[in-house]
N, C-alpha and C. Protein backbone atom coordinates (compact mmCIF):
# COMPACT_ATOMS: atom_id res chain seq x y z
N MET A 1 -21.73 -60.79 8.90
CA MET A 1 -21.99 -60.36 10.27
C MET A 1 -20.69 -60.27 11.08
N PHE A 2 -19.90 -61.32 11.01
CA PHE A 2 -18.68 -61.32 11.81
C PHE A 2 -17.59 -60.44 11.22
N SER A 3 -17.63 -60.25 9.92
CA SER A 3 -16.69 -59.30 9.31
C SER A 3 -16.94 -57.90 9.86
N ARG A 4 -18.19 -57.54 10.00
CA ARG A 4 -18.54 -56.22 10.53
C ARG A 4 -18.16 -56.10 12.00
N LEU A 5 -18.47 -57.14 12.77
CA LEU A 5 -18.15 -57.10 14.20
C LEU A 5 -16.63 -57.04 14.40
N ARG A 6 -15.89 -57.73 13.53
CA ARG A 6 -14.43 -57.69 13.63
C ARG A 6 -13.89 -56.32 13.26
N GLU A 7 -14.51 -55.70 12.27
CA GLU A 7 -14.07 -54.37 11.87
C GLU A 7 -14.24 -53.36 13.00
N LEU A 8 -15.33 -53.49 13.75
CA LEU A 8 -15.58 -52.59 14.88
C LEU A 8 -14.66 -52.89 16.05
N ASN A 9 -14.28 -54.14 16.23
CA ASN A 9 -13.46 -54.55 17.37
C ASN A 9 -12.55 -55.69 16.94
N PRO A 10 -11.40 -55.36 16.36
CA PRO A 10 -10.53 -56.39 15.77
C PRO A 10 -10.00 -57.42 16.78
N HIS A 11 -9.81 -57.00 18.02
CA HIS A 11 -9.23 -57.90 19.01
C HIS A 11 -10.06 -57.90 20.30
N PRO A 12 -11.22 -58.53 20.25
CA PRO A 12 -12.11 -58.52 21.41
C PRO A 12 -11.54 -59.33 22.58
N LYS A 13 -11.80 -58.87 23.77
CA LYS A 13 -11.31 -59.56 24.97
C LYS A 13 -12.41 -59.63 26.02
N THR A 14 -12.26 -60.58 26.93
CA THR A 14 -13.17 -60.66 28.05
C THR A 14 -13.03 -59.40 28.90
N GLU A 15 -14.11 -59.00 29.54
CA GLU A 15 -14.06 -57.83 30.43
C GLU A 15 -13.67 -58.22 31.85
N LEU A 16 -13.51 -59.51 32.09
CA LEU A 16 -12.98 -59.96 33.38
C LEU A 16 -11.48 -59.69 33.41
N GLU A 17 -10.99 -59.22 34.54
CA GLU A 17 -9.57 -58.90 34.68
C GLU A 17 -8.81 -60.12 35.21
N TYR A 18 -7.73 -60.48 34.51
CA TYR A 18 -6.94 -61.65 34.93
C TYR A 18 -5.57 -61.57 34.28
N THR A 19 -4.61 -62.29 34.83
CA THR A 19 -3.27 -62.36 34.23
C THR A 19 -2.79 -63.80 34.02
N THR A 20 -3.45 -64.76 34.65
CA THR A 20 -3.05 -66.17 34.53
C THR A 20 -4.29 -67.03 34.31
N PRO A 21 -4.11 -68.26 33.82
CA PRO A 21 -5.26 -69.16 33.65
C PRO A 21 -6.03 -69.39 34.95
N PHE A 22 -5.32 -69.47 36.08
CA PHE A 22 -6.04 -69.69 37.34
C PHE A 22 -6.87 -68.47 37.71
N GLU A 23 -6.32 -67.28 37.52
CA GLU A 23 -7.09 -66.07 37.80
C GLU A 23 -8.34 -66.02 36.92
N LEU A 24 -8.19 -66.39 35.65
CA LEU A 24 -9.35 -66.40 34.76
C LEU A 24 -10.37 -67.42 35.22
N LEU A 25 -9.92 -68.62 35.55
CA LEU A 25 -10.82 -69.68 36.02
C LEU A 25 -11.58 -69.22 37.26
N ALA A 26 -10.88 -68.63 38.20
CA ALA A 26 -11.51 -68.15 39.43
C ALA A 26 -12.51 -67.04 39.13
N ALA A 27 -12.12 -66.11 38.26
CA ALA A 27 -13.00 -64.98 37.93
C ALA A 27 -14.27 -65.45 37.23
N VAL A 28 -14.14 -66.38 36.30
CA VAL A 28 -15.31 -66.89 35.58
C VAL A 28 -16.23 -67.65 36.54
N ALA A 29 -15.64 -68.44 37.44
CA ALA A 29 -16.44 -69.17 38.42
C ALA A 29 -17.20 -68.20 39.33
N LEU A 30 -16.58 -67.08 39.66
CA LEU A 30 -17.21 -66.08 40.51
C LEU A 30 -18.29 -65.29 39.76
N SER A 31 -18.21 -65.27 38.43
CA SER A 31 -19.09 -64.40 37.65
C SER A 31 -20.49 -64.95 37.42
N ALA A 32 -20.74 -66.20 37.79
CA ALA A 32 -22.07 -66.79 37.60
C ALA A 32 -23.12 -65.96 38.33
N GLN A 33 -24.12 -65.53 37.60
CA GLN A 33 -25.21 -64.70 38.13
C GLN A 33 -24.69 -63.42 38.79
N SER A 34 -23.55 -62.94 38.31
CA SER A 34 -22.97 -61.69 38.79
C SER A 34 -22.42 -60.92 37.59
N THR A 35 -22.17 -59.64 37.76
CA THR A 35 -21.63 -58.85 36.66
C THR A 35 -20.11 -58.90 36.65
N ASP A 36 -19.52 -58.72 35.47
CA ASP A 36 -18.06 -58.66 35.38
C ASP A 36 -17.52 -57.50 36.20
N VAL A 37 -18.24 -56.40 36.21
CA VAL A 37 -17.81 -55.23 36.99
C VAL A 37 -17.71 -55.58 38.47
N GLY A 38 -18.72 -56.26 38.98
CA GLY A 38 -18.73 -56.66 40.39
C GLY A 38 -17.62 -57.64 40.72
N VAL A 39 -17.39 -58.59 39.81
CA VAL A 39 -16.33 -59.57 40.02
C VAL A 39 -14.96 -58.88 40.01
N ASN A 40 -14.74 -57.98 39.07
CA ASN A 40 -13.46 -57.28 38.99
C ASN A 40 -13.16 -56.49 40.26
N LYS A 41 -14.19 -55.87 40.84
CA LYS A 41 -13.98 -55.11 42.07
C LYS A 41 -13.47 -56.03 43.19
N ALA A 42 -14.03 -57.23 43.25
CA ALA A 42 -13.63 -58.18 44.28
C ALA A 42 -12.24 -58.76 44.01
N THR A 43 -11.98 -59.14 42.76
CA THR A 43 -10.70 -59.79 42.46
C THR A 43 -9.52 -58.83 42.49
N ARG A 44 -9.79 -57.53 42.35
CA ARG A 44 -8.70 -56.55 42.50
C ARG A 44 -8.13 -56.58 43.91
N ARG A 45 -8.96 -56.97 44.85
CA ARG A 45 -8.50 -57.11 46.24
C ARG A 45 -8.01 -58.53 46.51
N LEU A 46 -8.68 -59.51 45.90
CA LEU A 46 -8.36 -60.91 46.17
C LEU A 46 -7.07 -61.38 45.53
N PHE A 47 -6.89 -61.12 44.23
CA PHE A 47 -5.76 -61.70 43.51
C PHE A 47 -4.38 -61.25 44.02
N PRO A 48 -4.21 -60.03 44.52
CA PRO A 48 -2.90 -59.68 45.06
C PRO A 48 -2.47 -60.55 46.26
N VAL A 49 -3.43 -61.17 46.94
CA VAL A 49 -3.07 -62.02 48.08
C VAL A 49 -3.27 -63.50 47.80
N ALA A 50 -4.10 -63.83 46.80
CA ALA A 50 -4.37 -65.25 46.51
C ALA A 50 -4.66 -65.44 45.04
N ASN A 51 -3.62 -65.58 44.24
CA ASN A 51 -3.80 -65.74 42.79
C ASN A 51 -3.27 -67.07 42.27
N THR A 52 -3.02 -68.02 43.19
CA THR A 52 -2.66 -69.39 42.81
C THR A 52 -3.47 -70.34 43.70
N PRO A 53 -3.61 -71.59 43.28
CA PRO A 53 -4.34 -72.54 44.13
C PRO A 53 -3.74 -72.66 45.53
N LYS A 54 -2.41 -72.69 45.63
CA LYS A 54 -1.78 -72.81 46.95
C LYS A 54 -2.09 -71.60 47.83
N LYS A 55 -2.01 -70.42 47.26
CA LYS A 55 -2.30 -69.21 48.03
C LYS A 55 -3.77 -69.14 48.41
N MET A 56 -4.64 -69.64 47.54
CA MET A 56 -6.07 -69.67 47.84
C MET A 56 -6.34 -70.58 49.02
N LEU A 57 -5.68 -71.73 49.04
CA LEU A 57 -5.84 -72.65 50.16
C LEU A 57 -5.28 -72.05 51.44
N ALA A 58 -4.16 -71.36 51.33
CA ALA A 58 -3.55 -70.73 52.51
C ALA A 58 -4.44 -69.62 53.06
N LEU A 59 -5.16 -68.94 52.17
CA LEU A 59 -6.06 -67.88 52.60
C LEU A 59 -7.19 -68.45 53.45
N GLY A 60 -7.70 -69.60 53.03
CA GLY A 60 -8.75 -70.27 53.81
C GLY A 60 -10.14 -69.78 53.46
N LEU A 61 -11.13 -70.58 53.82
CA LEU A 61 -12.51 -70.34 53.43
C LEU A 61 -13.07 -69.04 53.98
N GLU A 62 -12.90 -68.80 55.27
CA GLU A 62 -13.52 -67.63 55.89
C GLU A 62 -12.92 -66.32 55.38
N LYS A 63 -11.60 -66.29 55.23
CA LYS A 63 -10.97 -65.07 54.72
C LYS A 63 -11.33 -64.85 53.25
N LEU A 64 -11.44 -65.95 52.50
CA LEU A 64 -11.85 -65.84 51.11
C LEU A 64 -13.23 -65.22 51.02
N LYS A 65 -14.14 -65.65 51.88
CA LYS A 65 -15.49 -65.10 51.89
C LYS A 65 -15.48 -63.59 52.09
N SER A 66 -14.58 -63.12 52.93
CA SER A 66 -14.54 -61.68 53.22
C SER A 66 -14.12 -60.87 52.00
N TYR A 67 -13.35 -61.49 51.10
CA TYR A 67 -12.92 -60.80 49.89
C TYR A 67 -14.00 -60.78 48.81
N ILE A 68 -14.86 -61.79 48.82
CA ILE A 68 -15.84 -61.90 47.73
C ILE A 68 -17.28 -61.72 48.22
N SER A 69 -17.46 -61.19 49.41
CA SER A 69 -18.80 -61.09 50.01
C SER A 69 -19.72 -60.15 49.26
N THR A 70 -19.16 -59.32 48.38
CA THR A 70 -20.00 -58.40 47.58
C THR A 70 -20.59 -59.09 46.35
N ILE A 71 -20.16 -60.32 46.09
CA ILE A 71 -20.61 -61.07 44.92
C ILE A 71 -21.76 -61.99 45.30
N GLY A 72 -22.74 -62.10 44.45
CA GLY A 72 -23.87 -62.99 44.70
C GLY A 72 -23.45 -64.43 44.89
N LEU A 73 -24.12 -65.15 45.78
CA LEU A 73 -23.86 -66.56 46.05
C LEU A 73 -22.43 -66.81 46.53
N TYR A 74 -21.88 -65.83 47.26
CA TYR A 74 -20.45 -65.89 47.60
C TYR A 74 -20.10 -67.06 48.52
N ASN A 75 -21.03 -67.48 49.38
CA ASN A 75 -20.72 -68.60 50.28
C ASN A 75 -20.44 -69.87 49.50
N ASN A 76 -21.32 -70.18 48.55
CA ASN A 76 -21.15 -71.38 47.75
C ASN A 76 -19.94 -71.27 46.82
N LYS A 77 -19.76 -70.07 46.26
CA LYS A 77 -18.62 -69.86 45.36
C LYS A 77 -17.30 -70.00 46.11
N ALA A 78 -17.25 -69.53 47.35
CA ALA A 78 -16.04 -69.66 48.14
C ALA A 78 -15.71 -71.13 48.40
N LYS A 79 -16.72 -71.91 48.75
CA LYS A 79 -16.51 -73.35 48.97
C LYS A 79 -15.98 -74.01 47.71
N ASN A 80 -16.56 -73.66 46.56
CA ASN A 80 -16.11 -74.25 45.30
C ASN A 80 -14.68 -73.85 44.97
N LEU A 81 -14.32 -72.59 45.22
CA LEU A 81 -12.96 -72.12 44.93
C LEU A 81 -11.92 -72.87 45.78
N ILE A 82 -12.24 -73.07 47.04
CA ILE A 82 -11.32 -73.80 47.92
C ILE A 82 -11.20 -75.25 47.47
N ALA A 83 -12.33 -75.89 47.19
CA ALA A 83 -12.32 -77.29 46.73
C ALA A 83 -11.59 -77.42 45.40
N MET A 84 -11.84 -76.46 44.50
CA MET A 84 -11.18 -76.44 43.20
C MET A 84 -9.67 -76.32 43.37
N SER A 85 -9.26 -75.42 44.23
CA SER A 85 -7.83 -75.19 44.46
C SER A 85 -7.15 -76.43 45.01
N GLN A 86 -7.85 -77.15 45.91
CA GLN A 86 -7.29 -78.38 46.48
C GLN A 86 -7.05 -79.42 45.40
N ILE A 87 -8.03 -79.58 44.50
CA ILE A 87 -7.88 -80.55 43.41
C ILE A 87 -6.74 -80.14 42.46
N LEU A 88 -6.65 -78.86 42.16
CA LEU A 88 -5.59 -78.40 41.26
C LEU A 88 -4.21 -78.66 41.86
N VAL A 89 -4.09 -78.47 43.17
CA VAL A 89 -2.81 -78.74 43.84
C VAL A 89 -2.53 -80.23 43.88
N ASP A 90 -3.54 -81.03 44.25
CA ASP A 90 -3.34 -82.47 44.44
C ASP A 90 -3.16 -83.23 43.14
N GLN A 91 -3.92 -82.83 42.10
CA GLN A 91 -3.93 -83.63 40.87
C GLN A 91 -3.22 -83.01 39.67
N TYR A 92 -3.03 -81.69 39.70
CA TYR A 92 -2.49 -81.03 38.51
C TYR A 92 -1.28 -80.14 38.79
N GLY A 93 -0.65 -80.37 39.93
CA GLY A 93 0.55 -79.61 40.25
C GLY A 93 0.32 -78.11 40.37
N GLY A 94 -0.90 -77.74 40.71
CA GLY A 94 -1.21 -76.33 40.87
C GLY A 94 -1.50 -75.60 39.57
N GLU A 95 -1.54 -76.34 38.45
CA GLU A 95 -1.79 -75.73 37.15
C GLU A 95 -3.24 -76.00 36.70
N VAL A 96 -3.75 -75.12 35.87
CA VAL A 96 -5.09 -75.31 35.32
C VAL A 96 -5.00 -76.25 34.12
N PRO A 97 -5.75 -77.35 34.12
CA PRO A 97 -5.68 -78.29 33.00
C PRO A 97 -6.27 -77.69 31.72
N GLU A 98 -5.79 -78.19 30.59
CA GLU A 98 -6.23 -77.65 29.30
C GLU A 98 -7.25 -78.54 28.61
N SER A 99 -7.86 -79.46 29.32
CA SER A 99 -8.87 -80.33 28.70
C SER A 99 -10.25 -80.03 29.27
N ARG A 100 -11.25 -80.15 28.43
CA ARG A 100 -12.63 -79.90 28.86
C ARG A 100 -13.04 -80.86 29.98
N GLU A 101 -12.72 -82.13 29.81
CA GLU A 101 -13.13 -83.13 30.79
C GLU A 101 -12.57 -82.80 32.17
N ALA A 102 -11.30 -82.44 32.22
CA ALA A 102 -10.66 -82.11 33.50
C ALA A 102 -11.26 -80.85 34.10
N LEU A 103 -11.50 -79.84 33.28
CA LEU A 103 -12.06 -78.59 33.78
C LEU A 103 -13.47 -78.81 34.33
N GLU A 104 -14.30 -79.55 33.60
CA GLU A 104 -15.68 -79.75 34.02
C GLU A 104 -15.79 -80.65 35.25
N SER A 105 -14.71 -81.33 35.61
CA SER A 105 -14.72 -82.16 36.82
C SER A 105 -14.45 -81.33 38.07
N LEU A 106 -14.04 -80.07 37.89
CA LEU A 106 -13.73 -79.21 39.03
C LEU A 106 -15.01 -78.65 39.65
N PRO A 107 -15.04 -78.49 40.96
CA PRO A 107 -16.23 -77.93 41.63
C PRO A 107 -16.57 -76.53 41.12
N GLY A 108 -17.84 -76.32 40.78
CA GLY A 108 -18.27 -75.00 40.33
C GLY A 108 -17.97 -74.68 38.88
N VAL A 109 -17.44 -75.67 38.15
CA VAL A 109 -17.09 -75.43 36.74
C VAL A 109 -18.02 -76.24 35.84
N GLY A 110 -18.85 -75.54 35.08
CA GLY A 110 -19.72 -76.19 34.11
C GLY A 110 -19.18 -76.00 32.70
N ARG A 111 -19.97 -76.36 31.74
CA ARG A 111 -19.53 -76.30 30.34
C ARG A 111 -19.20 -74.87 29.91
N LYS A 112 -20.02 -73.90 30.33
CA LYS A 112 -19.78 -72.51 29.92
C LYS A 112 -18.45 -72.01 30.46
N THR A 113 -18.20 -72.24 31.75
CA THR A 113 -16.94 -71.80 32.36
C THR A 113 -15.75 -72.48 31.68
N ALA A 114 -15.88 -73.78 31.44
CA ALA A 114 -14.80 -74.51 30.77
C ALA A 114 -14.53 -73.92 29.38
N ASN A 115 -15.60 -73.60 28.66
CA ASN A 115 -15.43 -73.02 27.32
C ASN A 115 -14.70 -71.67 27.37
N VAL A 116 -15.04 -70.84 28.35
CA VAL A 116 -14.36 -69.55 28.48
C VAL A 116 -12.87 -69.75 28.72
N VAL A 117 -12.53 -70.64 29.63
CA VAL A 117 -11.12 -70.87 29.96
C VAL A 117 -10.38 -71.48 28.78
N LEU A 118 -10.99 -72.47 28.13
CA LEU A 118 -10.35 -73.09 26.97
C LEU A 118 -10.10 -72.08 25.86
N ASN A 119 -11.06 -71.19 25.64
CA ASN A 119 -10.94 -70.19 24.58
C ASN A 119 -9.97 -69.08 24.94
N THR A 120 -10.20 -68.47 26.10
CA THR A 120 -9.49 -67.24 26.46
C THR A 120 -8.08 -67.50 27.00
N ALA A 121 -7.93 -68.55 27.78
CA ALA A 121 -6.61 -68.84 28.36
C ALA A 121 -5.75 -69.71 27.46
N PHE A 122 -6.40 -70.63 26.71
CA PHE A 122 -5.64 -71.62 25.96
C PHE A 122 -5.84 -71.55 24.45
N GLY A 123 -6.59 -70.56 23.97
CA GLY A 123 -6.68 -70.33 22.54
C GLY A 123 -7.45 -71.37 21.75
N GLN A 124 -8.36 -72.08 22.39
CA GLN A 124 -9.17 -73.06 21.68
C GLN A 124 -10.45 -72.40 21.16
N PRO A 125 -10.90 -72.74 19.95
CA PRO A 125 -12.06 -72.08 19.32
C PRO A 125 -13.40 -72.57 19.87
N THR A 126 -13.63 -72.33 21.14
CA THR A 126 -14.88 -72.76 21.77
C THR A 126 -15.86 -71.59 21.86
N ILE A 127 -17.13 -71.91 22.03
CA ILE A 127 -18.18 -70.90 22.16
C ILE A 127 -18.83 -71.05 23.53
N ALA A 128 -18.67 -70.05 24.37
CA ALA A 128 -19.27 -70.08 25.71
C ALA A 128 -20.60 -69.34 25.66
N VAL A 129 -21.71 -70.08 25.64
CA VAL A 129 -23.02 -69.46 25.48
C VAL A 129 -23.58 -69.00 26.83
N ASP A 130 -23.59 -67.68 27.02
CA ASP A 130 -24.22 -67.11 28.21
C ASP A 130 -25.57 -66.52 27.80
N THR A 131 -26.21 -65.78 28.70
CA THR A 131 -27.53 -65.22 28.39
C THR A 131 -27.47 -64.26 27.21
N HIS A 132 -26.36 -63.50 27.07
CA HIS A 132 -26.23 -62.55 25.97
C HIS A 132 -26.14 -63.27 24.63
N ILE A 133 -25.27 -64.26 24.56
CA ILE A 133 -25.10 -65.01 23.31
C ILE A 133 -26.38 -65.77 22.96
N PHE A 134 -27.01 -66.36 23.96
CA PHE A 134 -28.26 -67.08 23.72
C PHE A 134 -29.30 -66.15 23.11
N ARG A 135 -29.39 -64.93 23.64
CA ARG A 135 -30.36 -63.95 23.13
C ARG A 135 -30.00 -63.52 21.71
N VAL A 136 -28.75 -63.15 21.48
CA VAL A 136 -28.33 -62.67 20.17
C VAL A 136 -28.49 -63.77 19.11
N ALA A 137 -28.10 -64.98 19.44
CA ALA A 137 -28.19 -66.09 18.48
C ALA A 137 -29.63 -66.35 18.08
N ASN A 138 -30.55 -66.27 19.05
CA ASN A 138 -31.96 -66.51 18.76
C ASN A 138 -32.61 -65.30 18.09
N ARG A 139 -32.34 -64.13 18.62
CA ARG A 139 -33.00 -62.91 18.12
C ARG A 139 -32.60 -62.60 16.68
N THR A 140 -31.34 -62.74 16.36
CA THR A 140 -30.86 -62.42 15.01
C THR A 140 -31.19 -63.51 14.02
N GLY A 141 -31.42 -64.73 14.50
CA GLY A 141 -31.63 -65.86 13.61
C GLY A 141 -30.33 -66.55 13.23
N LEU A 142 -29.22 -66.11 13.86
CA LEU A 142 -27.92 -66.70 13.55
C LEU A 142 -27.87 -68.17 13.90
N ALA A 143 -28.34 -68.51 15.10
CA ALA A 143 -28.31 -69.91 15.54
C ALA A 143 -29.42 -70.14 16.56
N PRO A 144 -30.67 -70.17 16.11
CA PRO A 144 -31.78 -70.34 17.05
C PRO A 144 -31.76 -71.72 17.70
N GLY A 145 -32.12 -71.73 18.99
CA GLY A 145 -32.15 -72.99 19.71
C GLY A 145 -32.89 -72.82 21.02
N ALA A 146 -33.47 -73.93 21.51
CA ALA A 146 -34.29 -73.87 22.73
C ALA A 146 -33.46 -73.89 24.00
N ASP A 147 -32.21 -74.32 23.91
CA ASP A 147 -31.35 -74.33 25.09
C ASP A 147 -29.93 -73.97 24.68
N VAL A 148 -29.09 -73.70 25.68
CA VAL A 148 -27.75 -73.18 25.40
C VAL A 148 -26.89 -74.18 24.63
N ARG A 149 -27.05 -75.46 24.87
CA ARG A 149 -26.23 -76.45 24.17
C ARG A 149 -26.58 -76.51 22.69
N LYS A 150 -27.88 -76.42 22.39
CA LYS A 150 -28.29 -76.42 20.98
C LYS A 150 -27.75 -75.18 20.27
N VAL A 151 -27.80 -74.03 20.96
CA VAL A 151 -27.26 -72.80 20.37
C VAL A 151 -25.76 -72.93 20.16
N GLU A 152 -25.06 -73.48 21.14
CA GLU A 152 -23.61 -73.66 21.02
C GLU A 152 -23.26 -74.53 19.82
N ASP A 153 -23.95 -75.66 19.69
CA ASP A 153 -23.67 -76.58 18.59
C ASP A 153 -23.95 -75.93 17.23
N LYS A 154 -25.04 -75.15 17.15
CA LYS A 154 -25.37 -74.48 15.89
C LYS A 154 -24.34 -73.41 15.56
N LEU A 155 -23.93 -72.66 16.57
CA LEU A 155 -22.94 -71.60 16.33
C LEU A 155 -21.64 -72.19 15.79
N GLU A 156 -21.22 -73.31 16.35
CA GLU A 156 -19.99 -73.94 15.88
C GLU A 156 -20.08 -74.38 14.43
N LYS A 157 -21.31 -74.67 13.98
CA LYS A 157 -21.51 -75.10 12.59
C LYS A 157 -21.59 -73.92 11.63
N VAL A 158 -22.26 -72.83 12.05
CA VAL A 158 -22.52 -71.74 11.11
C VAL A 158 -21.43 -70.66 11.08
N ILE A 159 -20.63 -70.56 12.14
CA ILE A 159 -19.59 -69.53 12.16
C ILE A 159 -18.37 -70.00 11.37
N PRO A 160 -17.93 -69.24 10.38
CA PRO A 160 -16.73 -69.62 9.62
C PRO A 160 -15.52 -69.77 10.53
N LYS A 161 -14.63 -70.69 10.19
CA LYS A 161 -13.48 -71.01 11.04
C LYS A 161 -12.64 -69.80 11.40
N GLU A 162 -12.51 -68.87 10.46
CA GLU A 162 -11.63 -67.72 10.72
C GLU A 162 -12.14 -66.84 11.85
N PHE A 163 -13.43 -66.96 12.18
CA PHE A 163 -14.02 -66.13 13.23
C PHE A 163 -14.25 -66.88 14.54
N LEU A 164 -14.08 -68.19 14.54
CA LEU A 164 -14.46 -69.00 15.71
C LEU A 164 -13.73 -68.60 16.99
N GLN A 165 -12.44 -68.28 16.88
CA GLN A 165 -11.67 -67.99 18.08
C GLN A 165 -12.23 -66.80 18.86
N ASP A 166 -12.66 -65.77 18.15
CA ASP A 166 -13.12 -64.55 18.82
C ASP A 166 -14.65 -64.40 18.83
N ALA A 167 -15.35 -65.34 18.23
CA ALA A 167 -16.80 -65.19 18.02
C ALA A 167 -17.57 -64.96 19.31
N HIS A 168 -17.25 -65.72 20.35
CA HIS A 168 -18.09 -65.58 21.54
C HIS A 168 -17.86 -64.24 22.23
N HIS A 169 -16.65 -63.68 22.10
CA HIS A 169 -16.42 -62.33 22.66
C HIS A 169 -17.24 -61.29 21.89
N TRP A 170 -17.23 -61.39 20.57
CA TRP A 170 -18.01 -60.43 19.77
C TRP A 170 -19.50 -60.52 20.12
N LEU A 171 -20.01 -61.74 20.24
CA LEU A 171 -21.42 -61.92 20.51
C LEU A 171 -21.80 -61.46 21.92
N ILE A 172 -20.95 -61.75 22.90
CA ILE A 172 -21.22 -61.31 24.27
C ILE A 172 -21.27 -59.78 24.33
N LEU A 173 -20.26 -59.14 23.76
CA LEU A 173 -20.19 -57.68 23.80
C LEU A 173 -21.35 -57.05 23.03
N HIS A 174 -21.72 -57.67 21.92
CA HIS A 174 -22.84 -57.16 21.13
C HIS A 174 -24.14 -57.26 21.94
N GLY A 175 -24.31 -58.39 22.62
CA GLY A 175 -25.50 -58.57 23.43
C GLY A 175 -25.53 -57.67 24.66
N ARG A 176 -24.36 -57.39 25.19
CA ARG A 176 -24.28 -56.58 26.42
C ARG A 176 -24.52 -55.10 26.14
N TYR A 177 -24.03 -54.61 24.99
CA TYR A 177 -24.07 -53.17 24.75
C TYR A 177 -24.98 -52.71 23.62
N VAL A 178 -25.33 -53.61 22.71
CA VAL A 178 -26.17 -53.22 21.56
C VAL A 178 -27.47 -54.00 21.54
N CYS A 179 -27.39 -55.30 21.44
CA CYS A 179 -28.58 -56.15 21.36
C CYS A 179 -29.07 -56.49 22.77
N LYS A 180 -29.38 -55.46 23.52
CA LYS A 180 -29.75 -55.61 24.93
C LYS A 180 -31.13 -56.25 25.08
N ALA A 181 -31.36 -56.84 26.23
CA ALA A 181 -32.58 -57.62 26.44
C ALA A 181 -33.85 -56.77 26.34
N ARG A 182 -33.89 -55.69 27.09
CA ARG A 182 -35.14 -54.91 27.17
C ARG A 182 -35.31 -53.93 26.02
N LYS A 183 -34.23 -53.25 25.67
CA LYS A 183 -34.34 -52.28 24.59
C LYS A 183 -33.10 -52.33 23.71
N PRO A 184 -33.13 -53.20 22.72
CA PRO A 184 -31.96 -53.29 21.81
C PRO A 184 -31.76 -52.00 21.03
N GLU A 185 -30.50 -51.69 20.79
CA GLU A 185 -30.14 -50.45 20.09
C GLU A 185 -30.11 -50.68 18.58
N CYS A 186 -31.23 -51.08 18.04
CA CYS A 186 -31.30 -51.42 16.62
C CYS A 186 -30.88 -50.28 15.67
N PRO A 187 -31.25 -49.02 15.96
CA PRO A 187 -30.88 -47.94 15.03
C PRO A 187 -29.37 -47.77 14.85
N THR A 188 -28.59 -48.16 15.86
CA THR A 188 -27.14 -47.99 15.77
C THR A 188 -26.41 -49.32 15.57
N CYS A 189 -27.17 -50.38 15.34
CA CYS A 189 -26.58 -51.71 15.23
C CYS A 189 -25.92 -51.91 13.86
N ALA A 190 -24.69 -52.40 13.88
CA ALA A 190 -23.92 -52.58 12.64
C ALA A 190 -24.41 -53.75 11.80
N ILE A 191 -25.21 -54.64 12.42
CA ILE A 191 -25.67 -55.81 11.67
C ILE A 191 -27.20 -55.85 11.56
N ALA A 192 -27.84 -54.70 11.75
CA ALA A 192 -29.31 -54.65 11.76
C ALA A 192 -29.93 -55.19 10.47
N ASP A 193 -29.30 -54.93 9.33
CA ASP A 193 -29.86 -55.37 8.06
C ASP A 193 -29.69 -56.87 7.84
N LEU A 194 -28.87 -57.50 8.66
CA LEU A 194 -28.65 -58.95 8.55
C LEU A 194 -29.45 -59.72 9.60
N CYS A 195 -30.19 -58.98 10.41
CA CYS A 195 -30.85 -59.55 11.58
C CYS A 195 -32.30 -59.90 11.29
N ALA A 196 -32.75 -61.04 11.84
CA ALA A 196 -34.11 -61.52 11.60
C ALA A 196 -35.12 -61.02 12.64
N TYR A 197 -34.65 -60.19 13.58
CA TYR A 197 -35.54 -59.70 14.64
C TYR A 197 -36.59 -58.76 14.06
N LYS A 198 -37.84 -59.18 14.09
CA LYS A 198 -38.91 -58.41 13.45
C LYS A 198 -39.31 -57.18 14.26
N GLN A 199 -39.21 -57.26 15.58
CA GLN A 199 -39.66 -56.14 16.42
C GLN A 199 -38.54 -55.13 16.66
N LYS A 200 -37.84 -54.76 15.60
CA LYS A 200 -36.70 -53.84 15.76
C LYS A 200 -37.17 -52.53 16.39
N THR A 201 -36.37 -52.06 17.32
CA THR A 201 -36.71 -50.79 17.97
C THR A 201 -36.30 -49.64 17.06
N LYS A 202 -37.01 -48.54 17.17
CA LYS A 202 -36.73 -47.36 16.36
C LYS A 202 -36.12 -46.26 17.20
N ALA A 203 -35.37 -45.40 16.55
CA ALA A 203 -34.78 -44.27 17.26
C ALA A 203 -35.88 -43.35 17.73
N THR A 204 -35.71 -42.81 18.92
CA THR A 204 -36.69 -41.85 19.46
C THR A 204 -36.06 -40.50 19.63
N ASP A 205 -36.85 -39.46 19.46
CA ASP A 205 -36.33 -38.10 19.58
C ASP A 205 -36.04 -37.77 21.04
């Protein structure tokens, strides 16, 4: 399965736009219950003026809200970003920590966000299970589980080490563009013959 996904996309990347670990952390925190496209539109305006914790604090809560007001739950996300930036300045010298425990202690950062940052910014072989990965893992039979943590733990066990670093990007992109929630593109799926999904959709004229 992963050999095929790698052949189609040898170097998968997040669709969130960022250049530094802090920009990635901020973008992922903003992306909860929002699309990457929507987040990118906002951060293209935000990051040129506030792309470090110090600059974020200097921008202030109300001005930050004006930059991200197009994103869902922006009021709460703005508060978390300011609080997060304060902690990064006070406790980590303005740098994003590379440990799960430290990341998950930041406001607005849960296990999924921490996994994305650890994997994408720091090269750790973590699996960030979002709705796409949860669906693909269950639908294909790759790593069925009743909740995201069970799916994450199973994926870490069943995915060969050589694929772990990029696995969550492949699965997210596959779920976003091929194994879609309402109408999966089974006729054009590269791993259809390896998939346990019984209700495969058929091509229509």
